[in-house]
Amino acid sequence: MGGSAVISLYLLGLGPERKVKCYNRYFVNEYVFHTEEYEHGRKIYNNGVCIKGSTSSEFEVDYYGRLEEVIEL
């Protein structure tokens, strides 16, 4: 095993990182999405999301929902 592979294996063995960064908005492809809490009391909302789904069956199931949290791992 190379040195970087050993380090990666060691870090993997430590488990998940306990620190995360939380945001109340997210910028992607020139769009801005806000969490529901951030938009509370505002006239315009932009917290709805759609994720194109794909399953092992012949049916694709899309997810529609509202942005509740933005977490960076």
Protein backbone atom coordinates (compact mmCIF):
# COMPACT_ATOMS: atom_id res chain seq x y z
CA MET A 1 0.00 0.00 0.00
CA GLY A 2 1.20 3.50 -0.84
CA GLY A 3 1.54 6.20 1.81
CA SER A 4 -1.59 8.09 0.75
CA ALA A 5 -3.63 4.87 0.75
CA VAL A 6 -2.54 4.14 4.34
CA ILE A 7 -3.46 7.67 5.44
CA SER A 8 -6.85 7.42 3.71
CA LEU A 9 -7.52 4.08 5.38
CA TYR A 10 -6.53 5.52 8.76
CA LEU A 11 -8.85 8.54 8.31
CA LEU A 12 -11.69 6.27 7.21
CA GLY A 13 -11.20 4.22 10.38
CA LEU A 14 -11.67 7.32 12.54
CA GLY A 15 -15.31 7.52 11.49
CA PRO A 16 -17.34 10.46 10.23
CA GLU A 17 -16.32 14.05 10.84
CA ARG A 18 -18.27 15.51 13.75
CA LYS A 19 -18.06 19.11 12.53
CA VAL A 20 -20.38 20.33 9.80
CA LYS A 21 -21.16 23.75 8.38
CA CYS A 22 -24.82 24.80 8.24
CA TYR A 23 -26.20 27.44 5.91
CA ASN A 24 -29.60 29.07 5.42
CA ARG A 25 -29.19 29.40 1.64
CA TYR A 26 -27.55 27.54 -1.23
CA PHE A 27 -26.27 28.83 -4.59
CA VAL A 28 -26.22 26.43 -7.55
CA ASN A 29 -26.28 27.05 -11.33
CA GLU A 30 -27.05 30.75 -10.84
CA TYR A 31 -30.07 29.91 -8.65
CA VAL A 32 -30.43 30.71 -4.97
CA PHE A 33 -32.42 28.48 -2.63
CA HIS A 34 -33.33 29.47 0.91
CA THR A 35 -34.44 27.37 3.85
CA GLU A 36 -38.03 27.63 5.06
CA GLU A 37 -36.87 29.27 8.29
CA TYR A 38 -34.90 31.94 6.41
CA GLU A 39 -37.95 32.85 4.31
CA HIS A 40 -40.44 32.91 7.18
CA GLY A 41 -42.50 36.10 6.94
CA ARG A 42 -41.29 37.04 3.44
CA LYS A 43 -43.58 37.54 0.45
CA ILE A 44 -41.51 35.52 -2.04
CA TYR A 45 -40.44 31.94 -1.42
CA ASN A 46 -37.75 29.91 -3.16
CA ASN A 47 -37.30 26.85 -0.98
CA GLY A 48 -38.90 24.16 -3.14
CA VAL A 49 -36.66 21.49 -4.65
CA CYS A 50 -37.09 18.60 -7.06
CA ILE A 51 -34.61 15.76 -7.28
CA LYS A 52 -34.83 13.50 -10.31
CA GLY A 53 -35.09 9.98 -8.97
CA SER A 54 -33.85 6.71 -10.27
CA THR A 55 -34.45 3.29 -8.78
CA SER A 56 -33.50 -0.24 -9.63
CA SER A 57 -37.04 -0.87 -10.89
CA GLU A 58 -38.52 0.40 -14.14
CA PHE A 59 -40.25 3.27 -12.32
CA GLU A 60 -38.47 6.54 -11.61
CA VAL A 61 -39.62 8.32 -8.50
CA ASP A 62 -38.91 12.05 -8.26
CA TYR A 63 -38.65 13.78 -4.88
CA TYR A 64 -40.40 17.09 -4.35
CA GLY A 65 -39.97 18.93 -1.10
CA ARG A 66 -38.90 22.02 0.77
CA LEU A 67 -35.39 22.93 1.77
CA GLU A 68 -35.16 22.59 5.53
CA GLU A 69 -31.39 22.51 6.08
CA VAL A 70 -28.23 23.00 4.05
CA ILE A 71 -25.35 21.02 5.56
CA GLU A 72 -21.79 20.85 4.25
CA LEU A 73 -19.99 17.70 5.33
